[in-house]
Amino acid sequence: MRIDRIVDAAEVHAAADLFDGPPLTEATERFLATAGHHLLLAYEDDRAVGMITGVEMTHPDKGTEMFVYELSVVPEARKRGIGSALVIELAAIARRNGCYGMWVGTEPDNEAALATYRRAGADEEAAFTLLNWDLIRSAK
């Protein structure tokens, strides 16, 4: 397995099955072009079998931390350490870029995600409540 940091939108589109829906061309190009945005793909025999996205976030009184935006591994490649390897590689990028920490949110009953993040060195900090604004629906 190899892990590559992706800068070419064509590689993202070729790995479309790793995303919740088809990658949007404009959003993909914007994501890849934005400093502090990271998209890594894990390959086995030139086939993308896993992906992780991370976003560096900076706050005036805290510094910069890495937010794990999304992690995905194709079903037939799960439970082989690919997800953990992607998380560990993103953490290495975060360290090199001066981030003081890295965090992720997931559902409390998502046992696979929790196990993956813990295997990659994460500690559970505290439960939290997620609130969301649907800015498209609320504009109507």
Protein backbone atom coordinates (compact mmCIF):
# COMPACT_ATOMS: atom_id res chain seq x y z
CA MET A 1 0.00 0.00 0.00
CA ARG A 2 1.12 3.54 -0.71
CA ILE A 3 -0.37 6.82 0.46
CA ASP A 4 -0.21 9.90 -1.76
CA ARG A 5 -1.19 13.51 -1.10
CA ILE A 6 -3.46 14.43 -3.98
CA VAL A 7 -3.20 17.71 -5.91
CA ASP A 8 -4.90 16.65 -9.17
CA ALA A 9 -8.71 16.71 -9.36
CA ALA A 10 -8.65 13.86 -11.90
CA GLU A 11 -7.32 11.51 -9.20
CA VAL A 12 -10.19 12.50 -6.90
CA HIS A 13 -12.76 11.81 -9.62
CA ALA A 14 -11.11 8.46 -10.37
CA ALA A 15 -11.61 7.53 -6.70
CA ALA A 16 -15.26 8.68 -6.62
CA ASP A 17 -16.46 5.47 -4.92
CA LEU A 18 -14.63 6.55 -1.74
CA PHE A 19 -16.85 9.62 -1.32
CA ASP A 20 -20.45 9.92 -0.12
CA GLY A 21 -21.44 11.19 -3.57
CA PRO A 22 -19.75 12.07 -6.84
CA PRO A 23 -17.03 14.69 -6.31
CA LEU A 24 -18.15 18.11 -7.54
CA THR A 25 -15.63 19.55 -10.01
CA GLU A 26 -15.62 23.12 -8.68
CA ALA A 27 -15.56 22.04 -5.02
CA THR A 28 -12.77 19.52 -5.69
CA GLU A 29 -10.59 22.08 -7.43
CA ARG A 30 -11.23 24.66 -4.69
CA PHE A 31 -10.42 22.14 -1.94
CA LEU A 32 -7.17 21.05 -3.58
CA ALA A 33 -6.10 24.65 -4.30
CA THR A 34 -6.67 25.91 -0.75
CA ALA A 35 -3.65 26.08 1.54
CA GLY A 36 -4.11 23.91 4.61
CA HIS A 37 -6.52 21.50 2.90
CA HIS A 38 -5.24 17.94 2.54
CA LEU A 39 -6.59 14.95 0.62
CA LEU A 40 -4.72 11.66 0.86
CA LEU A 41 -5.47 8.49 -1.09
CA ALA A 42 -4.29 5.01 -0.15
CA TYR A 43 -3.52 2.79 -3.13
CA GLU A 44 -3.15 -0.94 -3.56
CA ASP A 45 -1.95 -1.98 -7.02
CA ASP A 46 -2.81 1.47 -8.42
CA ARG A 47 -6.42 1.25 -7.14
CA ALA A 48 -7.55 3.84 -4.59
CA VAL A 49 -8.85 1.89 -1.59
CA GLY A 50 -8.97 4.62 1.06
CA MET A 51 -9.07 8.36 1.49
CA ILE A 52 -8.83 10.95 4.22
CA THR A 53 -9.36 14.69 4.11
CA GLY A 54 -8.09 17.16 6.65
CA VAL A 55 -8.38 20.90 7.10
CA GLU A 56 -5.99 23.05 9.10
CA MET A 57 -7.88 25.53 11.26
CA THR A 58 -6.26 28.48 13.03
CA HIS A 59 -7.70 30.47 15.93
CA PRO A 60 -6.08 33.59 17.44
CA ASP A 61 -5.75 32.21 20.97
CA LYS A 62 -5.14 28.55 20.16
CA GLY A 63 -2.92 28.29 17.11
CA THR A 64 -3.47 25.76 14.33
CA GLU A 65 -5.00 22.31 14.60
CA MET A 66 -5.96 19.69 12.03
CA PHE A 67 -9.61 18.72 11.62
CA VAL A 68 -10.15 15.23 10.18
CA TYR A 69 -12.98 16.00 7.79
CA GLU A 70 -13.67 12.55 6.36
CA LEU A 71 -12.20 9.05 6.25
CA SER A 72 -13.28 6.23 3.95
CA VAL A 73 -12.03 2.76 3.03
CA VAL A 74 -13.68 0.55 0.41
CA PRO A 75 -15.55 -2.35 2.05
CA GLU A 76 -13.29 -5.10 0.69
CA ALA A 77 -10.17 -3.39 2.09
CA ARG A 78 -11.45 -2.72 5.61
CA LYS A 79 -9.89 -4.16 8.78
CA ARG A 80 -6.42 -4.20 7.23
CA GLY A 81 -5.04 -1.02 8.79
CA ILE A 82 -5.61 1.28 5.82
CA GLY A 83 -7.80 3.73 7.76
CA SER A 84 -5.31 3.89 10.63
CA ALA A 85 -2.41 4.41 8.21
CA LEU A 86 -4.27 7.31 6.58
CA VAL A 87 -4.95 8.92 9.97
CA ILE A 88 -1.32 8.49 11.02
CA GLU A 89 -0.09 10.05 7.75
CA LEU A 90 -2.44 13.03 8.16
CA ALA A 91 -1.17 13.46 11.74
CA ALA A 92 2.41 13.48 10.40
CA ILE A 93 1.48 16.25 7.96
CA ALA A 94 -0.17 18.17 10.81
CA ARG A 95 3.00 17.88 12.93
CA ARG A 96 5.22 19.03 10.05
CA ASN A 97 2.90 22.01 9.49
CA GLY A 98 3.07 23.06 13.15
CA CYS A 99 -0.38 21.96 14.28
CA TYR A 100 -0.68 21.56 18.04
CA GLY A 101 -3.34 18.85 17.73
CA MET A 102 -5.76 16.98 15.52
CA TRP A 103 -9.43 16.18 16.13
CA VAL A 104 -12.39 14.39 14.62
CA GLY A 105 -16.05 13.98 15.46
CA THR A 106 -17.98 10.77 14.87
CA GLU A 107 -21.19 9.18 16.02
CA PRO A 108 -20.91 7.46 19.43
CA ASP A 109 -22.20 4.19 17.96
CA ASN A 110 -19.80 4.15 14.98
CA GLU A 111 -17.65 1.36 16.38
CA ALA A 112 -15.51 0.98 13.24
CA ALA A 113 -14.56 4.67 13.20
CA LEU A 114 -13.91 4.75 16.94
CA ALA A 115 -11.66 1.68 16.73
CA THR A 116 -9.76 3.12 13.75
CA TYR A 117 -9.11 6.48 15.42
CA ARG A 118 -8.09 4.85 18.71
CA ARG A 119 -5.71 2.49 16.85
CA ALA A 120 -4.16 5.54 15.24
CA GLY A 121 -3.49 7.08 18.66
CA ALA A 122 -6.56 9.21 19.39
CA ASP A 123 -7.87 9.59 22.92
CA GLU A 124 -11.53 10.26 23.64
CA GLU A 125 -11.78 13.77 25.03
CA ALA A 126 -15.46 14.36 25.72
CA ALA A 127 -18.89 13.87 24.25
CA PHE A 128 -20.29 16.89 22.44
CA THR A 129 -23.45 17.98 20.70
CA LEU A 130 -23.32 18.83 17.02
CA LEU A 131 -25.54 21.67 15.84
CA ASN A 132 -25.95 22.34 12.13
CA TRP A 133 -27.22 25.19 9.99
CA ASP A 134 -28.63 24.10 6.63
CA LEU A 135 -27.86 27.33 4.77
CA ILE A 136 -29.40 26.13 1.50
CA ARG A 137 -32.70 24.93 2.94
CA SER A 138 -33.07 27.89 5.32
CA ALA A 139 -32.57 30.39 2.48
CA LYS A 140 -35.80 29.27 0.79
